Amino acid sequence: MVSTGDSAPDISATVANGEVEEFELSDHLGDGPVVLAFFPGAFTPPCSNEMVALQDHLGDFEDAGATILGVSADSAFSQNAFREEEDLEFDLVSDMDRDAIEDYGVRIDIEDLGLHGVANRSAFVVDDEGEVAYDWVADDPTNEPDYDELLDAVESA
């Protein structure tokens, strides 16, 4: 698993931003910290709660110069529908091939729900140089990150 102090693996995927576009994490480095919020799946109550909480804190993160990106194995089309339903103003990265999920070491199976190879709920802050300045991985995928701690990490990055 990727930890604080490691070089952040690049992510090459598609992004749901109202459209569906190509995405490279490396293109977003140097413009302030990037928060990668991995989540198991769109349209599930814990994931909706987390993404709405990030939306509620979006102004604080933007004031700190950060970009928030949600990351899941959902298709970009599903993610755009999710963004619209939850009124999310930040982009969601579609990692359908699960490369980022694997590279960051957050792949899990949730047998009870029949979900295999999805992202465990986790958050990483990547600084301007591409180094992981903060990492958090849920012990239980229904747990949410401590948003104040995440914001503190962004402000320190």
Protein backbone atom coordinates (compact mmCIF):
# COMPACT_ATOMS: atom_id res chain seq x y z
CA MET A 1 0.00 0.00 0.00
CA VAL A 2 1.09 3.56 -0.71
CA SER A 3 2.07 5.43 2.45
CA THR A 4 3.05 8.93 3.50
CA GLY A 5 6.44 9.79 2.01
CA ASP A 6 6.04 7.53 -1.05
CA SER A 7 5.91 8.81 -4.59
CA ALA A 8 2.27 8.81 -5.65
CA PRO A 9 1.61 6.43 -8.52
CA ASP A 10 0.34 8.29 -11.57
CA ILE A 11 -3.25 7.64 -12.52
CA SER A 12 -4.27 7.37 -16.14
CA ALA A 13 -8.02 6.90 -16.50
CA THR A 14 -11.17 8.74 -17.50
CA VAL A 15 -12.77 11.47 -15.44
CA ALA A 16 -16.42 12.29 -14.94
CA ASN A 17 -16.74 16.06 -14.82
CA GLY A 18 -20.11 16.45 -16.51
CA GLU A 19 -18.36 15.13 -19.60
CA VAL A 20 -16.15 12.06 -19.97
CA GLU A 21 -12.52 12.99 -20.59
CA GLU A 22 -9.07 11.50 -20.35
CA PHE A 23 -7.32 12.04 -17.04
CA GLU A 24 -3.70 11.96 -15.86
CA LEU A 25 -2.91 12.69 -12.22
CA SER A 26 0.49 14.06 -13.28
CA ASP A 27 -1.31 16.86 -15.17
CA HIS A 28 -2.76 18.09 -11.85
CA LEU A 29 0.49 18.22 -9.88
CA GLY A 30 2.04 21.59 -9.16
CA ASP A 31 -1.30 23.40 -8.73
CA GLY A 32 -1.68 22.67 -5.03
CA PRO A 33 -2.38 19.48 -3.11
CA VAL A 34 -4.57 16.81 -4.68
CA VAL A 35 -6.92 14.80 -2.47
CA LEU A 36 -7.62 11.33 -3.83
CA ALA A 37 -10.72 9.98 -2.10
CA PHE A 38 -11.11 6.32 -3.08
CA PHE A 39 -14.58 4.87 -2.49
CA PRO A 40 -16.19 1.47 -3.16
CA GLY A 41 -19.10 2.46 -5.36
CA ALA A 42 -21.47 5.19 -6.44
CA PHE A 43 -25.08 5.18 -5.28
CA THR A 44 -24.37 3.33 -2.02
CA PRO A 45 -25.28 5.04 1.27
CA PRO A 46 -21.78 5.18 2.85
CA CYS A 47 -20.22 6.42 -0.39
CA SER A 48 -22.94 9.00 -0.91
CA ASN A 49 -22.43 10.20 2.67
CA GLU A 50 -18.68 10.58 2.12
CA MET A 51 -18.92 12.35 -1.24
CA VAL A 52 -21.61 14.73 0.11
CA ALA A 53 -19.41 15.44 3.16
CA LEU A 54 -16.50 16.26 0.84
CA GLN A 55 -18.82 18.52 -1.15
CA ASP A 56 -19.88 20.22 2.09
CA HIS A 57 -16.18 20.88 2.87
CA LEU A 58 -15.24 21.75 -0.72
CA GLY A 59 -14.88 25.47 -0.01
CA ASP A 60 -12.43 24.80 2.81
CA PHE A 61 -10.34 22.51 0.60
CA GLU A 62 -10.40 25.01 -2.26
CA ASP A 63 -9.40 27.83 0.12
CA ALA A 64 -6.39 25.67 1.04
CA GLY A 65 -5.54 25.37 -2.68
CA ALA A 66 -6.52 21.70 -2.99
CA THR A 67 -8.27 19.74 -5.69
CA ILE A 68 -10.56 16.92 -4.58
CA LEU A 69 -10.97 13.87 -6.79
CA GLY A 70 -13.18 10.91 -5.97
CA VAL A 71 -11.88 7.60 -7.35
CA SER A 72 -13.88 4.41 -7.87
CA ALA A 73 -14.20 1.49 -10.26
CA ASP A 74 -17.55 2.80 -11.52
CA SER A 75 -17.91 3.85 -15.14
CA ALA A 76 -17.58 7.56 -15.86
CA PHE A 77 -21.19 7.52 -17.08
CA SER A 78 -22.39 6.16 -13.72
CA GLN A 79 -20.17 8.65 -11.94
CA ASN A 80 -21.66 11.56 -13.90
CA ALA A 81 -25.15 10.41 -12.91
CA PHE A 82 -23.93 10.11 -9.30
CA ARG A 83 -22.38 13.60 -9.44
CA GLU A 84 -25.65 15.01 -10.71
CA GLU A 85 -27.81 13.19 -8.15
CA GLU A 86 -25.61 14.29 -5.23
CA ASP A 87 -24.86 17.80 -6.61
CA LEU A 88 -21.11 17.14 -6.52
CA GLU A 89 -18.96 19.92 -7.94
CA PHE A 90 -15.68 17.99 -7.95
CA ASP A 91 -14.54 15.41 -10.50
CA LEU A 92 -14.72 11.63 -10.13
CA VAL A 93 -12.05 9.41 -11.65
CA SER A 94 -13.27 6.21 -13.27
CA ASP A 95 -10.79 3.43 -12.54
CA MET A 96 -12.69 0.65 -14.30
CA ASP A 97 -9.49 -1.25 -15.08
CA ARG A 98 -8.58 -0.93 -11.37
CA ASP A 99 -5.00 0.11 -12.06
CA ALA A 100 -5.07 2.96 -9.53
CA ILE A 101 -6.90 0.80 -6.98
CA GLU A 102 -4.12 -1.79 -7.33
CA ASP A 103 -1.27 0.76 -7.48
CA TYR A 104 -2.44 2.45 -4.28
CA GLY A 105 -3.00 -0.92 -2.57
CA VAL A 106 -6.63 -0.32 -1.65
CA ARG A 107 -8.37 -3.17 -3.49
CA ILE A 108 -10.97 -5.07 -1.47
CA ASP A 109 -13.79 -7.53 -1.96
CA ILE A 110 -17.05 -6.96 -0.13
CA GLU A 111 -18.43 -10.48 -0.27
CA ASP A 112 -21.75 -9.66 1.44
CA LEU A 113 -22.60 -7.27 -1.39
CA GLY A 114 -21.02 -9.30 -4.19
CA LEU A 115 -18.46 -6.57 -4.88
CA HIS A 116 -15.04 -7.72 -6.04
CA GLY A 117 -11.97 -5.63 -6.73
CA VAL A 118 -13.44 -2.32 -5.60
CA ALA A 119 -11.61 0.45 -3.77
CA ASN A 120 -11.55 0.42 -0.01
CA ARG A 121 -12.54 3.78 1.40
CA SER A 122 -9.28 5.68 1.67
CA ALA A 123 -7.81 9.13 1.23
CA PHE A 124 -4.42 10.30 0.04
CA VAL A 125 -3.07 13.83 -0.18
CA VAL A 126 -0.51 14.27 -2.96
CA ASP A 127 1.70 17.36 -2.82
CA ASP A 128 3.01 19.46 -5.71
CA GLU A 129 6.06 17.22 -6.13
CA GLY A 130 3.96 14.07 -6.41
CA GLU A 131 4.76 12.79 -2.94
CA VAL A 132 2.09 11.33 -0.66
CA ALA A 133 1.78 13.82 2.21
CA TYR A 134 -1.03 11.93 3.98
CA ASP A 135 -2.66 8.54 3.82
CA TRP A 136 -5.71 7.05 5.51
CA VAL A 137 -7.32 3.67 4.79
CA ALA A 138 -10.52 2.54 6.49
CA ASP A 139 -10.43 -0.52 8.73
CA ASP A 140 -14.06 -1.00 7.67
CA PRO A 141 -15.23 0.40 4.30
CA THR A 142 -18.31 1.92 5.95
CA ASN A 143 -16.05 4.26 8.00
CA GLU A 144 -15.45 7.78 6.73
CA PRO A 145 -12.24 9.76 7.01
CA ASP A 146 -11.80 12.49 9.60
CA TYR A 147 -12.45 15.51 7.38
CA ASP A 148 -10.74 17.97 9.74
CA GLU A 149 -7.62 15.78 9.79
CA LEU A 150 -7.74 15.56 5.98
CA LEU A 151 -7.99 19.34 5.71
CA ASP A 152 -5.09 19.75 8.16
CA ALA A 153 -3.02 17.45 5.95
CA VAL A 154 -3.89 19.54 2.88
CA GLU A 155 -2.91 22.74 4.68
CA SER A 156 0.43 21.15 5.68
CA ALA A 157 1.21 19.75 2.20
